[in-house]
Amino acid sequence: MALAPLLLISYLVGAIPTGFIVGKLLRNIDIRHHGSSNLGGTNVWRVLGPKAGAFVLGCDIGKGYLVVAIIAQIRFTPLLLDYAVVAILCGLAAIIGHVFPIYLQLRGGKGVATTGGVMIALAPLPTAISIGLFAVILTSTGYVALGSIIAACLLPISLVIFNRFTGLQFHPLLIGFTTALALFILFNHRRNIARLLAGKENRFERAMIWRRLFR
């Protein structure tokens, strides 16, 4: 039972609706009724501007990282599970919270940024590779969804490769966890995939991505 409070706290932290809060503070709008209707940083970027979008993205990543790096280490009573397992379970609870936030009738974001924060804490190097690939795809194509999908699918493959060919060893549960997350992210992006195949997916103009952010 000692694990339950950690999972609950992780869920509640993950469920903090950063995009919703920023929309209310900046323009008194419900971001879910604008743009793509998503709470994530991409939609906030399109509706409220690049700085607001970057802030929401950073907060959503931070939620995932905080849960794994700090909350998972709290001990109300001794746990039979080792830290790696507890951290993975807490990270999963945070991602579920982001996608299904209790504060907003279970209607949240797609979980990519919060997943990124969780994975930065659990597996920094493979995650850095995935983030790098995401950045390359975003800046070369302008498609956030495409970058998110490919980066998510690369993660479990990277973990397997690192376990096989390097001295780094990642818990088998983490490989299963990232595989399940990749499938979940694919499911959450099913409409984006349909729009990509139809050539109708929204995209950022490549030359404007960083210029708009730092203007």
C-alpha atoms as a PDB file:
ATOM      1  CA  MET A   1       0.000   0.000   0.000  1.00  0.00           C
ATOM      2  CA  ALA A   2       2.965   2.335   0.477  1.00  0.00           C
ATOM      3  CA  LEU A   3       3.223   2.664  -3.307  1.00  0.00           C
ATOM      4  CA  ALA A   4      -0.316   4.037  -3.653  1.00  0.00           C
ATOM      5  CA  PRO A   5       0.418   7.541  -2.228  1.00  0.00           C
ATOM      6  CA  LEU A   6       3.374   7.935  -4.587  1.00  0.00           C
ATOM      7  CA  LEU A   7       1.261   6.969  -7.576  1.00  0.00           C
ATOM      8  CA  LEU A   8      -1.518   9.322  -6.503  1.00  0.00           C
ATOM      9  CA  ILE A   9       0.871  12.262  -6.049  1.00  0.00           C
ATOM     10  CA  SER A  10       2.500  11.470  -9.402  1.00  0.00           C
ATOM     11  CA  TYR A  11      -0.887  11.388 -11.110  1.00  0.00           C
ATOM     12  CA  LEU A  12      -1.953  14.713  -9.568  1.00  0.00           C
ATOM     13  CA  VAL A  13       1.302  16.403 -10.589  1.00  0.00           C
ATOM     14  CA  GLY A  14       1.044  15.026 -14.111  1.00  0.00           C
ATOM     15  CA  ALA A  15      -2.568  16.175 -14.301  1.00  0.00           C
ATOM     16  CA  ILE A  16      -1.709  19.856 -13.719  1.00  0.00           C
ATOM     17  CA  PRO A  17      -3.156  21.416 -16.916  1.00  0.00           C
ATOM     18  CA  THR A  18      -0.407  23.879 -17.781  1.00  0.00           C
ATOM     19  CA  GLY A  19      -1.835  24.762 -21.184  1.00  0.00           C
ATOM     20  CA  PHE A  20      -5.273  25.452 -19.731  1.00  0.00           C
ATOM     21  CA  ILE A  21      -3.824  27.641 -16.966  1.00  0.00           C
ATOM     22  CA  VAL A  22      -1.688  29.659 -19.392  1.00  0.00           C
ATOM     23  CA  GLY A  23      -4.666  30.180 -21.714  1.00  0.00           C
ATOM     24  CA  LYS A  24      -6.762  31.499 -18.839  1.00  0.00           C
ATOM     25  CA  LEU A  25      -4.012  33.760 -17.522  1.00  0.00           C
ATOM     26  CA  LEU A  26      -2.974  35.266 -20.851  1.00  0.00           C
ATOM     27  CA  ARG A  27      -6.293  35.662 -22.686  1.00  0.00           C
ATOM     28  CA  ASN A  28      -8.964  34.207 -20.410  1.00  0.00           C
ATOM     29  CA  ILE A  29      -9.690  31.453 -22.938  1.00  0.00           C
ATOM     30  CA  ASP A  30     -10.077  27.703 -22.718  1.00  0.00           C
ATOM     31  CA  ILE A  31      -7.313  26.502 -25.021  1.00  0.00           C
ATOM     32  CA  ARG A  32      -9.340  23.327 -25.659  1.00  0.00           C
ATOM     33  CA  HIS A  33     -11.803  25.425 -27.690  1.00  0.00           C
ATOM     34  CA  HIS A  34      -9.154  26.870 -29.984  1.00  0.00           C
ATOM     35  CA  GLY A  35      -6.760  25.579 -32.600  1.00  0.00           C
ATOM     36  CA  SER A  36      -6.473  21.805 -32.506  1.00  0.00           C
ATOM     37  CA  SER A  37      -8.307  21.717 -29.118  1.00  0.00           C
ATOM     38  CA  ASN A  38      -5.250  20.146 -27.507  1.00  0.00           C
ATOM     39  CA  LEU A  39      -3.695  21.240 -24.212  1.00  0.00           C
ATOM     40  CA  GLY A  40      -0.111  20.703 -25.337  1.00  0.00           C
ATOM     41  CA  GLY A  41       2.612  23.190 -26.117  1.00  0.00           C
ATOM     42  CA  THR A  42       2.142  22.903 -29.891  1.00  0.00           C
ATOM     43  CA  ASN A  43      -1.444  24.139 -29.797  1.00  0.00           C
ATOM     44  CA  VAL A  44      -0.584  26.821 -27.232  1.00  0.00           C
ATOM     45  CA  TRP A  45       2.229  27.955 -29.572  1.00  0.00           C
ATOM     46  CA  ARG A  46      -0.206  28.301 -32.471  1.00  0.00           C
ATOM     47  CA  VAL A  47      -2.936  30.039 -30.476  1.00  0.00           C
ATOM     48  CA  LEU A  48      -1.016  32.130 -27.923  1.00  0.00           C
ATOM     49  CA  GLY A  49       2.410  32.482 -29.505  1.00  0.00           C
ATOM     50  CA  PRO A  50       5.793  30.780 -29.398  1.00  0.00           C
ATOM     51  CA  LYS A  51       6.889  31.973 -25.965  1.00  0.00           C
ATOM     52  CA  ALA A  52       3.702  30.728 -24.314  1.00  0.00           C
ATOM     53  CA  GLY A  53       4.012  27.466 -26.211  1.00  0.00           C
ATOM     54  CA  ALA A  54       7.641  27.003 -25.170  1.00  0.00           C
ATOM     55  CA  PHE A  55       6.714  27.721 -21.553  1.00  0.00           C
ATOM     56  CA  VAL A  56       3.945  25.110 -21.577  1.00  0.00           C
ATOM     57  CA  LEU A  57       6.242  22.606 -23.258  1.00  0.00           C
ATOM     58  CA  GLY A  58       8.900  23.173 -20.596  1.00  0.00           C
ATOM     59  CA  CYS A  59       6.381  22.801 -17.778  1.00  0.00           C
ATOM     60  CA  ASP A  60       4.945  19.598 -19.225  1.00  0.00           C
ATOM     61  CA  ILE A  61       8.439  18.128 -19.565  1.00  0.00           C
ATOM     62  CA  GLY A  62       9.235  19.318 -16.051  1.00  0.00           C
ATOM     63  CA  LYS A  63       6.223  17.509 -14.601  1.00  0.00           C
ATOM     64  CA  GLY A  64       7.464  14.173 -15.879  1.00  0.00           C
ATOM     65  CA  TYR A  65      11.027  14.793 -14.740  1.00  0.00           C
ATOM     66  CA  LEU A  66       9.962  15.960 -11.272  1.00  0.00           C
ATOM     67  CA  VAL A  67       7.872  12.867 -10.669  1.00  0.00           C
ATOM     68  CA  VAL A  68      10.703  10.452 -11.496  1.00  0.00           C
ATOM     69  CA  ALA A  69      13.637  12.394 -10.041  1.00  0.00           C
ATOM     70  CA  ILE A  70      12.027  13.513  -6.778  1.00  0.00           C
ATOM     71  CA  ILE A  71       8.579  12.127  -6.017  1.00  0.00           C
ATOM     72  CA  ALA A  72       9.504   8.511  -6.796  1.00  0.00           C
ATOM     73  CA  GLN A  73      12.233   8.727  -4.146  1.00  0.00           C
ATOM     74  CA  ILE A  74       9.876   9.707  -1.327  1.00  0.00           C
ATOM     75  CA  ARG A  75       9.439   6.909   1.193  1.00  0.00           C
ATOM     76  CA  PHE A  76       6.390   6.959   3.451  1.00  0.00           C
ATOM     77  CA  THR A  77       7.209   3.404   4.502  1.00  0.00           C
ATOM     78  CA  PRO A  78       9.781   0.888   3.188  1.00  0.00           C
ATOM     79  CA  LEU A  79       8.963  -0.448  -0.289  1.00  0.00           C
ATOM     80  CA  LEU A  80       9.626  -3.961  -1.545  1.00  0.00           C
ATOM     81  CA  LEU A  81      10.126  -2.711  -5.107  1.00  0.00           C
ATOM     82  CA  ASP A  82      13.451  -1.226  -6.194  1.00  0.00           C
ATOM     83  CA  TYR A  83      13.739   2.401  -7.275  1.00  0.00           C
ATOM     84  CA  ALA A  84      13.771   1.646 -11.021  1.00  0.00           C
ATOM     85  CA  VAL A  85      10.385  -0.062 -10.859  1.00  0.00           C
ATOM     86  CA  VAL A  86       8.879   2.608  -8.580  1.00  0.00           C
ATOM     87  CA  ALA A  87      10.196   5.376 -10.858  1.00  0.00           C
ATOM     88  CA  ILE A  88       8.707   3.748 -13.955  1.00  0.00           C
ATOM     89  CA  LEU A  89       5.321   3.291 -12.271  1.00  0.00           C
ATOM     90  CA  CYS A  90       5.316   6.887 -11.000  1.00  0.00           C
ATOM     91  CA  GLY A  91       6.273   8.128 -14.454  1.00  0.00           C
ATOM     92  CA  LEU A  92       3.407   6.173 -15.958  1.00  0.00           C
ATOM     93  CA  ALA A  93       1.022   7.681 -13.390  1.00  0.00           C
ATOM     94  CA  ALA A  94       2.183  11.191 -14.358  1.00  0.00           C
ATOM     95  CA  ILE A  95       1.645  10.514 -18.058  1.00  0.00           C
ATOM     96  CA  ILE A  96      -1.840   9.135 -17.366  1.00  0.00           C
ATOM     97  CA  GLY A  97      -2.519  12.273 -15.326  1.00  0.00           C
ATOM     98  CA  HIS A  98      -1.484  14.512 -18.211  1.00  0.00           C
ATOM     99  CA  VAL A  99      -3.655  12.652 -20.725  1.00  0.00           C
ATOM    100  CA  PHE A 100      -6.609  12.164 -18.354  1.00  0.00           C
ATOM    101  CA  PRO A 101      -6.480  15.068 -15.842  1.00  0.00           C
ATOM    102  CA  ILE A 102      -8.992  14.913 -13.045  1.00  0.00           C
ATOM    103  CA  TYR A 103      -9.050  18.733 -12.995  1.00  0.00           C
ATOM    104  CA  LEU A 104     -10.496  18.902 -16.531  1.00  0.00           C
ATOM    105  CA  GLN A 105     -12.946  16.002 -16.717  1.00  0.00           C
ATOM    106  CA  LEU A 106     -10.200  13.637 -17.958  1.00  0.00           C
ATOM    107  CA  ARG A 107      -9.652  15.623 -21.164  1.00  0.00           C
ATOM    108  CA  GLY A 108      -5.960  16.424 -21.427  1.00  0.00           C
ATOM    109  CA  GLY A 109      -3.031  16.438 -23.818  1.00  0.00           C
ATOM    110  CA  LYS A 110      -1.365  13.692 -25.828  1.00  0.00           C
ATOM    111  CA  GLY A 111       1.386  13.006 -23.310  1.00  0.00           C
ATOM    112  CA  VAL A 112       4.464  13.420 -25.512  1.00  0.00           C
ATOM    113  CA  ALA A 113       6.158  16.206 -23.527  1.00  0.00           C
ATOM    114  CA  THR A 114       5.457  14.628 -20.141  1.00  0.00           C
ATOM    115  CA  THR A 115       6.724  11.306 -21.484  1.00  0.00           C
ATOM    116  CA  GLY A 116       9.871  13.130 -22.575  1.00  0.00           C
ATOM    117  CA  GLY A 117      10.394  14.457 -19.042  1.00  0.00           C
ATOM    118  CA  VAL A 118       9.911  10.998 -17.560  1.00  0.00           C
ATOM    119  CA  MET A 119      12.395   9.491 -20.003  1.00  0.00           C
ATOM    120  CA  ILE A 120      14.999  12.232 -19.488  1.00  0.00           C
ATOM    121  CA  ALA A 121      15.100  11.163 -15.853  1.00  0.00           C
ATOM    122  CA  LEU A 122      14.995   7.399 -16.543  1.00  0.00           C
ATOM    123  CA  ALA A 123      17.250   7.088 -19.603  1.00  0.00           C
ATOM    124  CA  PRO A 124      18.995  10.382 -20.444  1.00  0.00           C
ATOM    125  CA  LEU A 125      21.191   9.295 -23.363  1.00  0.00           C
ATOM    126  CA  PRO A 126      18.610   7.314 -25.403  1.00  0.00           C
ATOM    127  CA  THR A 127      16.123  10.110 -24.744  1.00  0.00           C
ATOM    128  CA  ALA A 128      18.602  12.730 -25.952  1.00  0.00           C
ATOM    129  CA  ILE A 129      18.960  10.777 -29.195  1.00  0.00           C
ATOM    130  CA  SER A 130      15.172  10.688 -29.636  1.00  0.00           C
ATOM    131  CA  ILE A 131      14.872  14.398 -28.872  1.00  0.00           C
ATOM    132  CA  GLY A 132      17.612  15.138 -31.381  1.00  0.00           C
ATOM    133  CA  LEU A 133      15.763  13.136 -34.013  1.00  0.00           C
ATOM    134  CA  PHE A 134      12.538  14.969 -33.155  1.00  0.00           C
ATOM    135  CA  ALA A 135      14.315  18.331 -33.617  1.00  0.00           C
ATOM    136  CA  VAL A 136      15.725  17.263 -36.978  1.00  0.00           C
ATOM    137  CA  ILE A 137      12.312  16.113 -38.223  1.00  0.00           C
ATOM    138  CA  LEU A 138      10.565  19.238 -36.937  1.00  0.00           C
ATOM    139  CA  THR A 139      13.030  21.668 -38.483  1.00  0.00           C
ATOM    140  CA  SER A 140      13.248  19.755 -41.778  1.00  0.00           C
ATOM    141  CA  THR A 141       9.526  19.051 -42.281  1.00  0.00           C
ATOM    142  CA  GLY A 142       7.639  21.376 -39.929  1.00  0.00           C
ATOM    143  CA  TYR A 143       5.513  18.469 -38.644  1.00  0.00           C
ATOM    144  CA  VAL A 144       5.412  18.194 -34.839  1.00  0.00           C
ATOM    145  CA  ALA A 145       3.269  15.057 -34.917  1.00  0.00           C
ATOM    146  CA  LEU A 146       5.628  13.233 -37.271  1.00  0.00           C
ATOM    147  CA  GLY A 147       8.609  14.046 -35.076  1.00  0.00           C
ATOM    148  CA  SER A 148       6.759  12.962 -31.945  1.00  0.00           C
ATOM    149  CA  ILE A 149       5.681   9.636 -33.432  1.00  0.00           C
ATOM    150  CA  ILE A 150       9.102   8.696 -34.805  1.00  0.00           C
ATOM    151  CA  ALA A 151      10.929   9.799 -31.651  1.00  0.00           C
ATOM    152  CA  ALA A 152       8.566   7.767 -29.464  1.00  0.00           C
ATOM    153  CA  CYS A 153       9.015   4.658 -31.605  1.00  0.00           C
ATOM    154  CA  LEU A 154      12.793   5.043 -31.551  1.00  0.00           C
ATOM    155  CA  LEU A 155      13.013   4.998 -27.736  1.00  0.00           C
ATOM    156  CA  PRO A 156      12.434   1.279 -27.042  1.00  0.00           C
ATOM    157  CA  ILE A 157      14.661   0.379 -29.992  1.00  0.00           C
ATOM    158  CA  SER A 158      17.432   2.577 -28.555  1.00  0.00           C
ATOM    159  CA  LEU A 159      17.131   0.927 -25.147  1.00  0.00           C
ATOM    160  CA  VAL A 160      17.471  -2.542 -26.659  1.00  0.00           C
ATOM    161  CA  ILE A 161      20.535  -1.438 -28.663  1.00  0.00           C
ATOM    162  CA  PHE A 162      22.177   0.134 -25.609  1.00  0.00           C
ATOM    163  CA  ASN A 163      21.536  -3.021 -23.543  1.00  0.00           C
ATOM    164  CA  ARG A 164      23.018  -5.196 -26.267  1.00  0.00           C
ATOM    165  CA  PHE A 165      26.057  -3.218 -27.366  1.00  0.00           C
ATOM    166  CA  THR A 166      27.090  -0.908 -24.495  1.00  0.00           C
ATOM    167  CA  GLY A 167      27.799  -1.018 -20.798  1.00  0.00           C
ATOM    168  CA  LEU A 168      24.563   0.803 -20.062  1.00  0.00           C
ATOM    169  CA  GLN A 169      21.842  -1.538 -18.885  1.00  0.00           C
ATOM    170  CA  PHE A 170      18.211  -0.501 -18.675  1.00  0.00           C
ATOM    171  CA  HIS A 171      15.556  -2.396 -16.746  1.00  0.00           C
ATOM    172  CA  PRO A 172      13.483  -4.782 -18.916  1.00  0.00           C
ATOM    173  CA  LEU A 173      10.370  -3.142 -17.493  1.00  0.00           C
ATOM    174  CA  LEU A 174      11.562   0.162 -18.980  1.00  0.00           C
ATOM    175  CA  ILE A 175      11.769  -1.420 -22.426  1.00  0.00           C
ATOM    176  CA  GLY A 176       8.221  -2.735 -22.039  1.00  0.00           C
ATOM    177  CA  PHE A 177       7.125   0.634 -20.671  1.00  0.00           C
ATOM    178  CA  THR A 178       8.536   2.595 -23.631  1.00  0.00           C
ATOM    179  CA  THR A 179       7.106   0.089 -26.113  1.00  0.00           C
ATOM    180  CA  ALA A 180       3.654   0.502 -24.582  1.00  0.00           C
ATOM    181  CA  LEU A 181       4.101   4.286 -24.581  1.00  0.00           C
ATOM    182  CA  ALA A 182       5.057   4.282 -28.254  1.00  0.00           C
ATOM    183  CA  LEU A 183       1.883   2.354 -29.064  1.00  0.00           C
ATOM    184  CA  PHE A 184      -0.148   4.711 -26.873  1.00  0.00           C
ATOM    185  CA  ILE A 185       1.329   7.784 -28.573  1.00  0.00           C
ATOM    186  CA  LEU A 186       0.599   6.242 -31.963  1.00  0.00           C
ATOM    187  CA  PHE A 187      -3.016   5.740 -30.874  1.00  0.00           C
ATOM    188  CA  ASN A 188      -3.259   9.280 -29.500  1.00  0.00           C
ATOM    189  CA  HIS A 189      -1.942  10.634 -32.810  1.00  0.00           C
ATOM    190  CA  ARG A 190      -4.239   8.556 -35.020  1.00  0.00           C
ATOM    191  CA  ARG A 191      -5.985  11.659 -36.369  1.00  0.00           C
ATOM    192  CA  ASN A 192      -2.624  13.315 -37.045  1.00  0.00           C
ATOM    193  CA  ILE A 193      -1.496  10.198 -38.915  1.00  0.00           C
ATOM    194  CA  ALA A 194      -4.649  10.319 -41.042  1.00  0.00           C
ATOM    195  CA  ARG A 195      -4.024  13.997 -41.810  1.00  0.00           C
ATOM    196  CA  LEU A 196      -0.364  13.314 -42.610  1.00  0.00           C
ATOM    197  CA  LEU A 197      -1.340  10.590 -45.069  1.00  0.00           C
ATOM    198  CA  ALA A 198      -3.916  12.918 -46.622  1.00  0.00           C
ATOM    199  CA  GLY A 199      -1.453  15.826 -46.775  1.00  0.00           C
ATOM    200  CA  LYS A 200      -3.638  17.952 -44.498  1.00  0.00           C
ATOM    201  CA  GLU A 201      -1.629  18.012 -41.263  1.00  0.00           C
ATOM    202  CA  ASN A 202      -0.825  21.457 -39.829  1.00  0.00           C
ATOM    203  CA  ARG A 203       2.834  22.367 -40.033  1.00  0.00           C
ATOM    204  CA  PHE A 204       5.193  25.087 -38.909  1.00  0.00           C
ATOM    205  CA  GLU A 205       7.099  27.019 -41.533  1.00  0.00           C
ATOM    206  CA  ARG A 206      10.613  25.694 -41.061  1.00  0.00           C
ATOM    207  CA  ALA A 207      12.412  29.011 -41.368  1.00  0.00           C
ATOM    208  CA  MET A 208      10.127  30.621 -38.801  1.00  0.00           C
ATOM    209  CA  ILE A 209      10.353  28.107 -35.946  1.00  0.00           C
ATOM    210  CA  TRP A 210      13.310  29.561 -34.063  1.00  0.00           C
ATOM    211  CA  ARG A 211      12.994  33.108 -35.411  1.00  0.00           C
ATOM    212  CA  ARG A 212       9.468  33.420 -33.991  1.00  0.00           C
ATOM    213  CA  LEU A 213      10.545  31.950 -30.669  1.00  0.00           C
ATOM    214  CA  PHE A 214      13.324  34.510 -30.086  1.00  0.00           C
ATOM    215  CA  ARG A 215      11.898  37.556 -31.810  1.00  0.00           C
END
